[in-house]
PDB file of N, CA and C in Angstrom:
ATOM      1  N   MET A   1      -5.903 -10.344 -15.277  1.00  0.00           N
ATOM      2  CA  MET A   1      -5.471  -9.270 -14.404  1.00  0.00           C
ATOM      3  C   MET A   1      -6.682  -8.750 -13.628  1.00  0.00           C
ATOM      4  N   ASN A   2      -6.520  -8.609 -12.312  1.00  0.00           N
ATOM      5  CA  ASN A   2      -7.612  -8.187 -11.452  1.00  0.00           C
ATOM      6  C   ASN A   2      -7.703  -6.670 -11.353  1.00  0.00           C
ATOM      7  N   LYS A   3      -8.904  -6.187 -11.084  1.00  0.00           N
ATOM      8  CA  LYS A   3      -9.111  -4.773 -10.809  1.00  0.00           C
ATOM      9  C   LYS A   3      -8.862  -4.572  -9.318  1.00  0.00           C
ATOM     10  N   LEU A   4      -7.896  -3.724  -8.983  1.00  0.00           N
ATOM     11  CA  LEU A   4      -7.516  -3.544  -7.590  1.00  0.00           C
ATOM     12  C   LEU A   4      -8.220  -2.346  -6.975  1.00  0.00           C
ATOM     13  N   LYS A   5      -8.508  -2.433  -5.684  1.00  0.00           N
ATOM     14  CA  LYS A   5      -9.191  -1.354  -4.984  1.00  0.00           C
ATOM     15  C   LYS A   5      -8.215  -0.422  -4.282  1.00  0.00           C
ATOM     16  N   ILE A   6      -6.938  -0.777  -4.301  1.00  0.00           N
ATOM     17  CA  ILE A   6      -5.897   0.047  -3.687  1.00  0.00           C
ATOM     18  C   ILE A   6      -5.097   0.708  -4.798  1.00  0.00           C
ATOM     19  N   LYS A   7      -4.841   2.007  -4.643  1.00  0.00           N
ATOM     20  CA  LYS A   7      -4.120   2.771  -5.661  1.00  0.00           C
ATOM     21  C   LYS A   7      -2.901   3.447  -5.056  1.00  0.00           C
ATOM     22  N   LYS A   8      -2.009   3.914  -5.924  1.00  0.00           N
ATOM     23  CA  LYS A   8      -0.817   4.632  -5.500  1.00  0.00           C
ATOM     24  C   LYS A   8      -1.236   5.892  -4.734  1.00  0.00           C
ATOM     25  N   GLY A   9      -0.588   6.130  -3.595  1.00  0.00           N
ATOM     26  CA  GLY A   9      -0.887   7.305  -2.786  1.00  0.00           C
ATOM     27  C   GLY A   9      -1.874   7.054  -1.659  1.00  0.00           C
ATOM     28  N   ASP A  10      -2.539   5.895  -1.660  1.00  0.00           N
ATOM     29  CA  ASP A  10      -3.497   5.563  -0.597  1.00  0.00           C
ATOM     30  C   ASP A  10      -2.766   5.263   0.710  1.00  0.00           C
ATOM     31  N   ASN A  11      -3.432   5.541   1.820  1.00  0.00           N
ATOM     32  CA  ASN A  11      -2.941   5.103   3.123  1.00  0.00           C
ATOM     33  C   ASN A  11      -3.568   3.751   3.420  1.00  0.00           C
ATOM     34  N   VAL A  12      -2.718   2.779   3.777  1.00  0.00           N
ATOM     35  CA  VAL A  12      -3.203   1.421   4.002  1.00  0.00           C
ATOM     36  C   VAL A  12      -2.754   0.908   5.365  1.00  0.00           C
ATOM     37  N   VAL A  13      -3.466  -0.120   5.846  1.00  0.00           N
ATOM     38  CA  VAL A  13      -3.146  -0.795   7.105  1.00  0.00           C
ATOM     39  C   VAL A  13      -2.795  -2.237   6.773  1.00  0.00           C
ATOM     40  N   VAL A  14      -1.706  -2.744   7.353  1.00  0.00           N
ATOM     41  CA  VAL A  14      -1.317  -4.143   7.159  1.00  0.00           C
ATOM     42  C   VAL A  14      -2.146  -4.990   8.115  1.00  0.00           C
ATOM     43  N   ILE A  15      -2.864  -5.982   7.569  1.00  0.00           N
ATOM     44  CA  ILE A  15      -3.750  -6.805   8.398  1.00  0.00           C
ATOM     45  C   ILE A  15      -3.194  -8.199   8.648  1.00  0.00           C
ATOM     46  N   ALA A  16      -2.073  -8.569   8.017  1.00  0.00           N
ATOM     47  CA  ALA A  16      -1.474  -9.888   8.223  1.00  0.00           C
ATOM     48  C   ALA A  16       0.016  -9.833   7.945  1.00  0.00           C
ATOM     49  N   GLY A  17       0.771 -10.675   8.604  1.00  0.00           N
ATOM     50  CA  GLY A  17       2.211 -10.758   8.365  1.00  0.00           C
ATOM     51  C   GLY A  17       3.012 -10.146   9.502  1.00  0.00           C
ATOM     52  N   ASN A  18       4.322 -10.013   9.281  1.00  0.00           N
ATOM     53  CA  ASN A  18       5.227  -9.511  10.316  1.00  0.00           C
ATOM     54  C   ASN A  18       4.949  -8.062  10.697  1.00  0.00           C
ATOM     55  N   ASP A  19       4.446  -7.274   9.774  1.00  0.00           N
ATOM     56  CA  ASP A  19       4.192  -5.851  10.012  1.00  0.00           C
ATOM     57  C   ASP A  19       2.728  -5.569  10.349  1.00  0.00           C
ATOM     58  N   LYS A  20       2.015  -6.563  10.844  1.00  0.00           N
ATOM     59  CA  LYS A  20       0.586  -6.428  11.143  1.00  0.00           C
ATOM     60  C   LYS A  20       0.331  -5.228  12.067  1.00  0.00           C
ATOM     61  N   GLY A  21      -0.659  -4.406  11.697  1.00  0.00           N
ATOM     62  CA  GLY A  21      -1.032  -3.251  12.501  1.00  0.00           C
ATOM     63  C   GLY A  21      -0.374  -1.956  12.065  1.00  0.00           C
ATOM     64  N   LYS A  22       0.683  -2.031  11.261  1.00  0.00           N
ATOM     65  CA  LYS A  22       1.380  -0.828  10.807  1.00  0.00           C
ATOM     66  C   LYS A  22       0.615  -0.186   9.651  1.00  0.00           C
ATOM     67  N   THR A  23       0.799   1.128   9.519  1.00  0.00           N
ATOM     68  CA  THR A  23       0.178   1.853   8.403  1.00  0.00           C
ATOM     69  C   THR A  23       1.266   2.498   7.564  1.00  0.00           C
ATOM     70  N   GLY A  24       0.948   2.770   6.309  1.00  0.00           N
ATOM     71  CA  GLY A  24       1.894   3.412   5.418  1.00  0.00           C
ATOM     72  C   GLY A  24       1.226   3.866   4.144  1.00  0.00           C
ATOM     73  N   LYS A  25       1.992   4.596   3.345  1.00  0.00           N
ATOM     74  CA  LYS A  25       1.498   5.134   2.083  1.00  0.00           C
ATOM     75  C   LYS A  25       1.957   4.233   0.942  1.00  0.00           C
ATOM     76  N   VAL A  26       1.069   3.964  -0.012  1.00  0.00           N
ATOM     77  CA  VAL A  26       1.389   3.097  -1.145  1.00  0.00           C
ATOM     78  C   VAL A  26       2.312   3.849  -2.104  1.00  0.00           C
ATOM     79  N   LEU A  27       3.478   3.249  -2.397  1.00  0.00           N
ATOM     80  CA  LEU A  27       4.440   3.853  -3.318  1.00  0.00           C
ATOM     81  C   LEU A  27       4.234   3.375  -4.750  1.00  0.00           C
ATOM     82  N   SER A  28       3.909   2.092  -4.903  1.00  0.00           N
ATOM     83  CA  SER A  28       3.644   1.565  -6.246  1.00  0.00           C
ATOM     84  C   SER A  28       2.756   0.329  -6.152  1.00  0.00           C
ATOM     85  N   VAL A  29       2.032   0.076  -7.246  1.00  0.00           N
ATOM     86  CA  VAL A  29       1.118  -1.055  -7.321  1.00  0.00           C
ATOM     87  C   VAL A  29       1.468  -1.870  -8.558  1.00  0.00           C
ATOM     88  N   SER A  30       1.521  -3.194  -8.406  1.00  0.00           N
ATOM     89  CA  SER A  30       1.790  -4.089  -9.521  1.00  0.00           C
ATOM     90  C   SER A  30       0.589  -5.021  -9.704  1.00  0.00           C
ATOM     91  N   PRO A  31      -0.378  -4.647 -10.561  1.00  0.00           N
ATOM     92  CA  PRO A  31      -1.582  -5.468 -10.724  1.00  0.00           C
ATOM     93  C   PRO A  31      -1.302  -6.851 -11.306  1.00  0.00           C
ATOM     94  N   ALA A  32      -0.233  -7.000 -12.060  1.00  0.00           N
ATOM     95  CA  ALA A  32       0.068  -8.287 -12.689  1.00  0.00           C
ATOM     96  C   ALA A  32       0.314  -9.370 -11.643  1.00  0.00           C
ATOM     97  N   ASP A  33       1.031  -9.041 -10.548  1.00  0.00           N
ATOM     98  CA  ASP A  33       1.271 -10.050  -9.517  1.00  0.00           C
ATOM     99  C   ASP A  33       0.573  -9.724  -8.198  1.00  0.00           C
ATOM    100  N   ASP A  34      -0.401  -8.811  -8.192  1.00  0.00           N
ATOM    101  CA  ASP A  34      -1.197  -8.468  -7.005  1.00  0.00           C
ATOM    102  C   ASP A  34      -0.316  -8.066  -5.827  1.00  0.00           C
ATOM    103  N   ARG A  35       0.745  -7.309  -6.095  1.00  0.00           N
ATOM    104  CA  ARG A  35       1.649  -6.885  -5.034  1.00  0.00           C
ATOM    105  C   ARG A  35       1.728  -5.364  -4.984  1.00  0.00           C
ATOM    106  N   VAL A  36       2.035  -4.864  -3.786  1.00  0.00           N
ATOM    107  CA  VAL A  36       2.083  -3.424  -3.542  1.00  0.00           C
ATOM    108  C   VAL A  36       3.340  -3.124  -2.738  1.00  0.00           C
ATOM    109  N   ILE A  37       3.986  -1.982  -3.014  1.00  0.00           N
ATOM    110  CA  ILE A  37       5.111  -1.535  -2.200  1.00  0.00           C
ATOM    111  C   ILE A  37       4.601  -0.395  -1.324  1.00  0.00           C
ATOM    112  N   VAL A  38       4.747  -0.563   0.004  1.00  0.00           N
ATOM    113  CA  VAL A  38       4.249   0.398   0.978  1.00  0.00           C
ATOM    114  C   VAL A  38       5.435   0.994   1.730  1.00  0.00           C
ATOM    115  N   GLU A  39       5.390   2.302   1.918  1.00  0.00           N
ATOM    116  CA  GLU A  39       6.465   3.040   2.581  1.00  0.00           C
ATOM    117  C   GLU A  39       6.693   2.519   4.005  1.00  0.00           C
ATOM    118  N   GLY A  40       7.921   2.037   4.284  1.00  0.00           N
ATOM    119  CA  GLY A  40       8.295   1.587   5.617  1.00  0.00           C
ATOM    120  C   GLY A  40       7.797   0.211   6.017  1.00  0.00           C
ATOM    121  N   ILE A  41       7.167  -0.516   5.099  1.00  0.00           N
ATOM    122  CA  ILE A  41       6.614  -1.838   5.404  1.00  0.00           C
ATOM    123  C   ILE A  41       7.393  -2.898   4.628  1.00  0.00           C
ATOM    124  N   ASN A  42       7.604  -4.072   5.256  1.00  0.00           N
ATOM    125  CA  ASN A  42       8.290  -5.210   4.633  1.00  0.00           C
ATOM    126  C   ASN A  42       9.705  -4.819   4.176  1.00  0.00           C
ATOM    127  N   MET A  43      10.471  -4.252   5.106  1.00  0.00           N
ATOM    128  CA  MET A  43      11.834  -3.821   4.804  1.00  0.00           C
ATOM    129  C   MET A  43      12.758  -5.037   4.685  1.00  0.00           C
ATOM    130  N   VAL A  44      13.591  -5.029   3.647  1.00  0.00           N
ATOM    131  CA  VAL A  44      14.558  -6.100   3.437  1.00  0.00           C
ATOM    132  C   VAL A  44      15.950  -5.493   3.282  1.00  0.00           C
ATOM    133  N   SER A  45      16.982  -6.285   3.566  1.00  0.00           N
ATOM    134  CA  SER A  45      18.364  -5.850   3.407  1.00  0.00           C
ATOM    135  C   SER A  45      18.852  -6.285   2.037  1.00  0.00           C
ATOM    136  N   LYS A  46      19.380  -5.340   1.258  1.00  0.00           N
ATOM    137  CA  LYS A  46      19.882  -5.656  -0.073  1.00  0.00           C
ATOM    138  C   LYS A  46      21.377  -5.363  -0.105  1.00  0.00           C
ATOM    139  N   HIS A  47      22.154  -6.340  -0.570  1.00  0.00           N
ATOM    140  CA  HIS A  47      23.595  -6.177  -0.676  1.00  0.00           C
ATOM    141  C   HIS A  47      23.912  -5.572  -2.039  1.00  0.00           C
ATOM    142  N   THR A  48      24.646  -4.465  -2.050  1.00  0.00           N
ATOM    143  CA  THR A  48      24.954  -3.793  -3.316  1.00  0.00           C
ATOM    144  C   THR A  48      26.467  -3.690  -3.514  1.00  0.00           C
ATOM    145  N   LYS A  49      26.866  -3.807  -4.757  1.00  0.00           N
ATOM    146  CA  LYS A  49      28.264  -3.611  -5.116  1.00  0.00           C
ATOM    147  C   LYS A  49      28.527  -2.105  -5.240  1.00  0.00           C
ATOM    148  N   PRO A  50      29.771  -1.697  -5.074  1.00  0.00           N
ATOM    149  CA  PRO A  50      30.078  -0.276  -5.295  1.00  0.00           C
ATOM    150  C   PRO A  50      29.810   0.116  -6.748  1.00  0.00           C
ATOM    151  N   ASN A  51      29.163   1.261  -6.942  1.00  0.00           N
ATOM    152  CA  ASN A  51      28.936   1.801  -8.283  1.00  0.00           C
ATOM    153  C   ASN A  51      28.928   3.317  -8.187  1.00  0.00           C
ATOM    154  N   SER A  52      28.616   3.990  -9.287  1.00  0.00           N
ATOM    155  CA  SER A  52      28.685   5.456  -9.284  1.00  0.00           C
ATOM    156  C   SER A  52      27.656   6.067  -8.332  1.00  0.00           C
ATOM    157  N   LYS A  53      26.525   5.405  -8.174  1.00  0.00           N
ATOM    158  CA  LYS A  53      25.479   5.918  -7.284  1.00  0.00           C
ATOM    159  C   LYS A  53      25.831   5.656  -5.817  1.00  0.00           C
ATOM    160  N   GLN A  54      26.327   4.454  -5.531  1.00  0.00           N
ATOM    161  CA  GLN A  54      26.722   4.037  -4.180  1.00  0.00           C
ATOM    162  C   GLN A  54      28.223   3.712  -4.201  1.00  0.00           C
ATOM    163  N   PRO A  55      29.110   4.709  -4.033  1.00  0.00           N
ATOM    164  CA  PRO A  55      30.553   4.435  -4.133  1.00  0.00           C
ATOM    165  C   PRO A  55      31.056   3.448  -3.072  1.00  0.00           C
ATOM    166  N   GLN A  56      30.404   3.414  -1.903  1.00  0.00           N
ATOM    167  CA  GLN A  56      30.827   2.498  -0.854  1.00  0.00           C
ATOM    168  C   GLN A  56      30.273   1.089  -1.053  1.00  0.00           C
ATOM    169  N   GLY A  57      29.085   0.986  -1.660  1.00  0.00           N
ATOM    170  CA  GLY A  57      28.428  -0.317  -1.729  1.00  0.00           C
ATOM    171  C   GLY A  57      27.875  -0.653  -0.358  1.00  0.00           C
ATOM    172  N   GLY A  58      27.744  -1.925  -0.039  1.00  0.00           N
ATOM    173  CA  GLY A  58      27.305  -2.332   1.291  1.00  0.00           C
ATOM    174  C   GLY A  58      25.866  -2.812   1.326  1.00  0.00           C
ATOM    175  N   ILE A  59      25.288  -2.767   2.524  1.00  0.00           N
ATOM    176  CA  ILE A  59      23.937  -3.270   2.743  1.00  0.00           C
ATOM    177  C   ILE A  59      22.992  -2.088   2.899  1.00  0.00           C
ATOM    178  N   ILE A  60      21.933  -2.071   2.087  1.00  0.00           N
ATOM    179  CA  ILE A  60      20.937  -1.013   2.202  1.00  0.00           C
ATOM    180  C   ILE A  60      19.582  -1.632   2.519  1.00  0.00           C
ATOM    181  N   LYS A  61      18.779  -0.893   3.266  1.00  0.00           N
ATOM    182  CA  LYS A  61      17.427  -1.347   3.608  1.00  0.00           C
ATOM    183  C   LYS A  61      16.462  -0.722   2.616  1.00  0.00           C
ATOM    184  N   GLN A  62      15.538  -1.541   2.089  1.00  0.00           N
ATOM    185  CA  GLN A  62      14.523  -1.015   1.179  1.00  0.00           C
ATOM    186  C   GLN A  62      13.244  -1.816   1.307  1.00  0.00           C
ATOM    187  N   GLU A  63      12.140  -1.222   0.822  1.00  0.00           N
ATOM    188  CA  GLU A  63      10.845  -1.879   0.896  1.00  0.00           C
ATOM    189  C   GLU A  63      10.737  -2.971  -0.158  1.00  0.00           C
ATOM    190  N   ALA A  64      10.099  -4.071   0.210  1.00  0.00           N
ATOM    191  CA  ALA A  64       9.809  -5.144  -0.738  1.00  0.00           C
ATOM    192  C   ALA A  64       8.296  -5.213  -0.916  1.00  0.00           C
ATOM    193  N   GLY A  65       7.856  -5.897  -1.953  1.00  0.00           N
ATOM    194  CA  GLY A  65       6.430  -6.005  -2.230  1.00  0.00           C
ATOM    195  C   GLY A  65       5.699  -6.823  -1.175  1.00  0.00           C
ATOM    196  N   ILE A  66       4.440  -6.457  -0.946  1.00  0.00           N
ATOM    197  CA  ILE A  66       3.585  -7.198  -0.023  1.00  0.00           C
ATOM    198  C   ILE A  66       2.296  -7.516  -0.774  1.00  0.00           C
ATOM    199  N   HIS A  67       1.749  -8.706  -0.568  1.00  0.00           N
ATOM    200  CA  HIS A  67       0.555  -9.108  -1.312  1.00  0.00           C
ATOM    201  C   HIS A  67      -0.632  -8.253  -0.908  1.00  0.00           C
ATOM    202  N   ILE A  68      -1.450  -7.921  -1.897  1.00  0.00           N
ATOM    203  CA  ILE A  68      -2.566  -6.998  -1.690  1.00  0.00           C
ATOM    204  C   ILE A  68      -3.612  -7.552  -0.722  1.00  0.00           C
ATOM    205  N   SER A  69      -3.675  -8.876  -0.570  1.00  0.00           N
ATOM    206  CA  SER A  69      -4.636  -9.470   0.358  1.00  0.00           C
ATOM    207  C   SER A  69      -4.269  -9.199   1.812  1.00  0.00           C
ATOM    208  N   ASN A  70      -3.041  -8.779   2.064  1.00  0.00           N
ATOM    209  CA  ASN A  70      -2.590  -8.485   3.426  1.00  0.00           C
ATOM    210  C   ASN A  70      -2.775  -7.014   3.793  1.00  0.00           C
ATOM    211  N   LEU A  71      -3.445  -6.254   2.938  1.00  0.00           N
ATOM    212  CA  LEU A  71      -3.637  -4.824   3.158  1.00  0.00           C
ATOM    213  C   LEU A  71      -5.109  -4.457   3.105  1.00  0.00           C
ATOM    214  N   GLN A  72      -5.475  -3.391   3.831  1.00  0.00           N
ATOM    215  CA  GLN A  72      -6.789  -2.783   3.713  1.00  0.00           C
ATOM    216  C   GLN A  72      -6.605  -1.275   3.742  1.00  0.00           C
ATOM    217  N   ILE A  73      -7.524  -0.559   3.106  1.00  0.00           N
ATOM    218  CA  ILE A  73      -7.501   0.900   3.107  1.00  0.00           C
ATOM    219  C   ILE A  73      -7.676   1.408   4.533  1.00  0.00           C
ATOM    220  N   ALA A  74      -6.924   2.459   4.887  1.00  0.00           N
ATOM    221  CA  ALA A  74      -7.120   3.113   6.178  1.00  0.00           C
ATOM    222  C   ALA A  74      -8.295   4.074   6.040  1.00  0.00           C
ATOM    223  N   ASP A  75      -9.279   3.934   6.914  1.00  0.00           N
ATOM    224  CA  ASP A  75     -10.469   4.774   6.896  1.00  0.00           C
ATOM    225  C   ASP A  75     -10.058   6.238   7.086  1.00  0.00           C
ATOM    226  N   PRO A  76     -10.480   7.152   6.187  1.00  0.00           N
ATOM    227  CA  PRO A  76     -10.082   8.568   6.311  1.00  0.00           C
ATOM    228  C   PRO A  76     -10.559   9.198   7.617  1.00  0.00           C
ATOM    229  N   ALA A  77     -11.671   8.722   8.180  1.00  0.00           N
ATOM    230  CA  ALA A  77     -12.222   9.314   9.399  1.00  0.00           C
ATOM    231  C   ALA A  77     -11.490   8.823  10.653  1.00  0.00           C
ATOM    232  N   THR A  78     -11.228   7.519  10.737  1.00  0.00           N
ATOM    233  CA  THR A  78     -10.681   6.944  11.969  1.00  0.00           C
ATOM    234  C   THR A  78      -9.244   6.458  11.843  1.00  0.00           C
ATOM    235  N   GLY A  79      -8.794   6.131  10.625  1.00  0.00           N
ATOM    236  CA  GLY A  79      -7.452   5.592  10.432  1.00  0.00           C
ATOM    237  C   GLY A  79      -7.388   4.086  10.600  1.00  0.00           C
ATOM    238  N   LYS A  80      -8.525   3.456  10.932  1.00  0.00           N
ATOM    239  CA  LYS A  80      -8.557   2.002  11.093  1.00  0.00           C
ATOM    240  C   LYS A  80      -8.809   1.332   9.744  1.00  0.00           C
ATOM    241  N   ALA A  81      -8.574   0.027   9.671  1.00  0.00           N
ATOM    242  CA  ALA A  81      -8.758  -0.726   8.434  1.00  0.00           C
ATOM    243  C   ALA A  81     -10.234  -0.773   8.044  1.00  0.00           C
ATOM    244  N   SER A  82     -10.495  -0.621   6.746  1.00  0.00           N
ATOM    245  CA  SER A  82     -11.866  -0.639   6.247  1.00  0.00           C
ATOM    246  C   SER A  82     -11.893  -1.242   4.850  1.00  0.00           C
ATOM    247  N   ARG A  83     -13.029  -1.845   4.513  1.00  0.00           N
ATOM    248  CA  ARG A  83     -13.199  -2.341   3.156  1.00  0.00           C
ATOM    249  C   ARG A  83     -13.556  -1.175   2.243  1.00  0.00           C
ATOM    250  N   VAL A  84     -13.450  -1.398   0.934  1.00  0.00           N
ATOM    251  CA  VAL A  84     -13.700  -0.347  -0.043  1.00  0.00           C
ATOM    252  C   VAL A  84     -14.981  -0.650  -0.804  1.00  0.00           C
ATOM    253  N   GLY A  85     -15.805   0.371  -0.981  1.00  0.00           N
ATOM    254  CA  GLY A  85     -17.013   0.257  -1.790  1.00  0.00           C
ATOM    255  C   GLY A  85     -16.986   1.288  -2.895  1.00  0.00           C
ATOM    256  N   PHE A  86     -17.856   1.121  -3.863  1.00  0.00           N
ATOM    257  CA  PHE A  86     -17.947   2.069  -4.969  1.00  0.00           C
ATOM    258  C   PHE A  86     -19.368   2.601  -5.046  1.00  0.00           C
ATOM    259  N   LYS A  87     -19.492   3.891  -5.354  1.00  0.00           N
ATOM    260  CA  LYS A  87     -20.805   4.497  -5.592  1.00  0.00           C
ATOM    261  C   LYS A  87     -20.624   5.626  -6.591  1.00  0.00           C
ATOM    262  N   THR A  88     -21.726   6.068  -7.189  1.00  0.00           N
ATOM    263  CA  THR A  88     -21.652   7.161  -8.149  1.00  0.00           C
ATOM    264  C   THR A  88     -22.109   8.450  -7.485  1.00  0.00           C
ATOM    265  N   VAL A  89     -21.293   9.476  -7.648  1.00  0.00           N
ATOM    266  CA  VAL A  89     -21.597  10.809  -7.133  1.00  0.00           C
ATOM    267  C   VAL A  89     -21.440  11.781  -8.292  1.00  0.00           C
ATOM    268  N   ASP A  90     -22.527  12.463  -8.650  1.00  0.00           N
ATOM    269  CA  ASP A  90     -22.532  13.411  -9.778  1.00  0.00           C
ATOM    270  C   ASP A  90     -22.065  12.743 -11.071  1.00  0.00           C
ATOM    271  N   GLY A  91     -22.470  11.503 -11.285  1.00  0.00           N
ATOM    272  CA  GLY A  91     -22.128  10.783 -12.513  1.00  0.00           C
ATOM    273  C   GLY A  91     -20.719  10.224 -12.544  1.00  0.00           C
ATOM    274  N   LYS A  92     -19.960  10.345 -11.437  1.00  0.00           N
ATOM    275  CA  LYS A  92     -18.603   9.800 -11.383  1.00  0.00           C
ATOM    276  C   LYS A  92     -18.556   8.665 -10.373  1.00  0.00           C
ATOM    277  N   LYS A  93     -17.782   7.634 -10.700  1.00  0.00           N
ATOM    278  CA  LYS A  93     -17.606   6.489  -9.810  1.00  0.00           C
ATOM    279  C   LYS A  93     -16.532   6.849  -8.784  1.00  0.00           C
ATOM    280  N   VAL A  94     -16.872   6.784  -7.486  1.00  0.00           N
ATOM    281  CA  VAL A  94     -15.919   7.116  -6.433  1.00  0.00           C
ATOM    282  C   VAL A  94     -15.820   5.957  -5.445  1.00  0.00           C
ATOM    283  N   ARG A  95     -14.669   5.884  -4.776  1.00  0.00           N
ATOM    284  CA  ARG A  95     -14.452   4.875  -3.747  1.00  0.00           C
ATOM    285  C   ARG A  95     -14.840   5.462  -2.389  1.00  0.00           C
ATOM    286  N   PHE A  96     -15.387   4.614  -1.519  1.00  0.00           N
ATOM    287  CA  PHE A  96     -15.687   5.064  -0.166  1.00  0.00           C
ATOM    288  C   PHE A  96     -15.344   3.971   0.835  1.00  0.00           C
ATOM    289  N   ALA A  97     -15.057   4.375   2.071  1.00  0.00           N
ATOM    290  CA  ALA A  97     -14.764   3.431   3.130  1.00  0.00           C
ATOM    291  C   ALA A  97     -16.069   2.891   3.678  1.00  0.00           C
ATOM    292  N   LYS A  98     -16.183   1.577   3.755  1.00  0.00           N
ATOM    293  CA  LYS A  98     -17.428   0.959   4.199  1.00  0.00           C
ATOM    294  C   LYS A  98     -17.698   1.197   5.684  1.00  0.00           C
ATOM    295  N   LYS A  99     -16.645   1.390   6.492  1.00  0.00           N
ATOM    296  CA  LYS A  99     -16.833   1.576   7.929  1.00  0.00           C
ATOM    297  C   LYS A  99     -17.519   2.903   8.240  1.00  0.00           C
ATOM    298  N   SER A 100     -17.016   4.011   7.658  1.00  0.00           N
ATOM    299  CA  SER A 100     -17.559   5.312   7.990  1.00  0.00           C
ATOM    300  C   SER A 100     -18.437   5.883   6.879  1.00  0.00           C
ATOM    301  N   GLY A 101     -18.332   5.316   5.681  1.00  0.00           N
ATOM    302  CA  GLY A 101     -19.086   5.837   4.543  1.00  0.00           C
ATOM    303  C   GLY A 101     -18.433   7.053   3.915  1.00  0.00           C
ATOM    304  N   GLU A 102     -17.250   7.432   4.415  1.00  0.00           N
ATOM    305  CA  GLU A 102     -16.559   8.620   3.911  1.00  0.00           C
ATOM    306  C   GLU A 102     -15.836   8.316   2.597  1.00  0.00           C
ATOM    307  N   GLU A 103     -15.818   9.285   1.704  1.00  0.00           N
ATOM    308  CA  GLU A 103     -15.193   9.132   0.389  1.00  0.00           C
ATOM    309  C   GLU A 103     -13.666   9.090   0.522  1.00  0.00           C
ATOM    310  N   ILE A 104     -13.043   8.217  -0.271  1.00  0.00           N
ATOM    311  CA  ILE A 104     -11.582   8.091  -0.284  1.00  0.00           C
ATOM    312  C   ILE A 104     -11.043   8.973  -1.406  1.00  0.00           C
ATOM    313  N   LYS A 105     -10.192   9.878  -1.062  1.00  0.00           N
ATOM    314  CA  LYS A 105      -9.621  10.800  -2.065  1.00  0.00           C
ATOM    315  C   LYS A 105      -8.438  10.176  -2.730  1.00  0.00           C
TER     316      LYS A 105
END
Protein backbone atom coordinates (compact mmCIF):
# COMPACT_ATOMS: atom_id res chain seq x y z
CA MET A 1 0.00 0.00 0.00
CA ASN A 2 1.39 3.38 -1.04
CA LYS A 3 1.56 6.55 1.03
CA LEU A 4 -0.61 9.08 -0.79
CA LYS A 5 -0.01 12.82 -0.93
CA ILE A 6 -3.68 13.64 -1.54
CA LYS A 7 -6.12 13.56 1.38
CA LYS A 8 -9.86 13.90 1.90
CA GLY A 9 -10.94 17.55 1.71
CA ASP A 10 -8.07 18.68 -0.56
CA ASN A 11 -8.74 20.75 -3.67
CA VAL A 12 -7.29 18.98 -6.70
CA VAL A 13 -6.83 19.60 -10.44
CA VAL A 14 -7.40 16.86 -13.03
CA ILE A 15 -4.30 16.67 -15.25
CA ALA A 16 -5.36 13.81 -17.58
CA GLY A 17 -8.51 12.21 -18.93
CA ASN A 18 -11.92 13.45 -20.06
CA ASP A 19 -12.19 15.99 -17.23
CA LYS A 20 -8.71 17.48 -17.78
CA GLY A 21 -8.40 21.01 -16.37
CA LYS A 22 -11.36 20.73 -13.97
CA THR A 23 -10.96 21.24 -10.23
CA GLY A 24 -12.86 19.72 -7.34
CA LYS A 25 -12.81 18.71 -3.70
CA VAL A 26 -11.75 15.18 -2.69
CA LEU A 27 -14.69 13.28 -1.16
CA SER A 28 -12.92 10.00 -0.40
CA VAL A 29 -9.57 8.29 -0.90
CA SER A 30 -8.97 4.57 -1.43
CA PRO A 31 -5.24 3.86 -0.86
CA ALA A 32 -5.66 0.14 -1.60
CA ASP A 33 -6.43 0.77 -5.29
CA ASP A 34 -4.87 4.28 -5.62
CA ARG A 35 -8.24 5.81 -6.52
CA VAL A 36 -9.96 9.00 -5.39
CA ILE A 37 -13.55 10.25 -5.66
CA VAL A 38 -13.67 13.97 -6.53
CA GLU A 39 -16.78 16.14 -6.35
CA GLY A 40 -18.23 16.69 -9.85
CA ILE A 41 -15.47 14.78 -11.66
CA ASN A 42 -15.81 11.50 -13.64
CA MET A 43 -19.62 11.47 -13.49
CA VAL A 44 -21.27 8.19 -14.50
CA SER A 45 -24.91 7.18 -15.00
CA LYS A 46 -26.12 4.47 -12.62
CA HIS A 47 -29.36 2.59 -13.20
CA THR A 48 -31.24 1.96 -9.94
CA LYS A 49 -34.25 -0.16 -9.12
CA PRO A 50 -37.08 1.39 -7.10
CA ASN A 51 -36.49 1.08 -3.35
CA SER A 52 -37.43 2.90 -0.16
CA LYS A 53 -34.76 5.55 -0.72
CA GLN A 54 -35.52 6.04 -4.45
CA PRO A 55 -39.25 5.17 -4.91
CA GLN A 56 -39.10 6.04 -8.63
CA GLY A 57 -35.81 4.30 -9.42
CA GLY A 58 -34.31 5.36 -12.75
CA ILE A 59 -30.96 6.75 -13.82
CA ILE A 60 -28.89 8.79 -11.38
CA LYS A 61 -25.60 10.60 -11.99
CA GLN A 62 -22.80 10.04 -9.48
CA GLU A 63 -19.04 10.39 -9.18
CA ALA A 64 -16.82 7.42 -9.97
CA GLY A 65 -13.24 6.86 -8.84
CA ILE A 66 -10.35 8.44 -10.72
CA HIS A 67 -6.75 7.21 -10.50
CA ILE A 68 -4.53 9.30 -8.26
CA SER A 69 -1.91 9.68 -11.01
CA ASN A 70 -4.41 11.81 -12.96
CA LEU A 71 -4.67 14.38 -10.15
CA GLN A 72 -2.47 17.07 -8.63
CA ILE A 73 -3.02 19.33 -5.62
CA ALA A 74 -4.39 22.78 -6.45
CA ASP A 75 -1.89 25.39 -5.27
CA PRO A 76 -3.51 27.39 -2.40
CA ALA A 77 -2.01 30.65 -3.76
CA THR A 78 -2.85 30.36 -7.48
CA GLY A 79 -5.28 27.43 -7.84
CA LYS A 80 -3.06 25.83 -10.50
CA ALA A 81 -1.72 22.26 -10.34
CA SER A 82 1.34 21.77 -8.13
CA ARG A 83 3.42 18.94 -6.77
CA VAL A 84 3.46 18.23 -3.03
CA GLY A 85 6.49 18.45 -0.76
CA PHE A 86 7.00 17.77 2.92
CA LYS A 87 8.89 19.83 5.50
CA THR A 88 8.97 20.11 9.27
CA VAL A 89 7.58 23.21 10.94
CA ASP A 90 7.77 23.43 14.76
CA GLY A 91 8.52 19.69 14.93
CA LYS A 92 5.47 18.73 12.82
CA LYS A 93 5.55 17.30 9.30
CA VAL A 94 3.48 19.51 6.96
CA ARG A 95 2.66 19.41 3.25
CA PHE A 96 3.46 22.35 1.00
CA ALA A 97 2.90 23.23 -2.64
CA LYS A 98 6.15 23.13 -4.57
CA LYS A 99 5.08 25.90 -6.99
CA SER A 100 4.47 28.65 -4.42
CA GLY A 101 6.00 27.11 -1.29
CA GLU A 102 2.73 27.76 0.55
CA GLU A 103 1.56 25.28 3.20
CA ILE A 104 -1.41 23.03 2.35
CA LYS A 105 -4.03 23.03 5.08
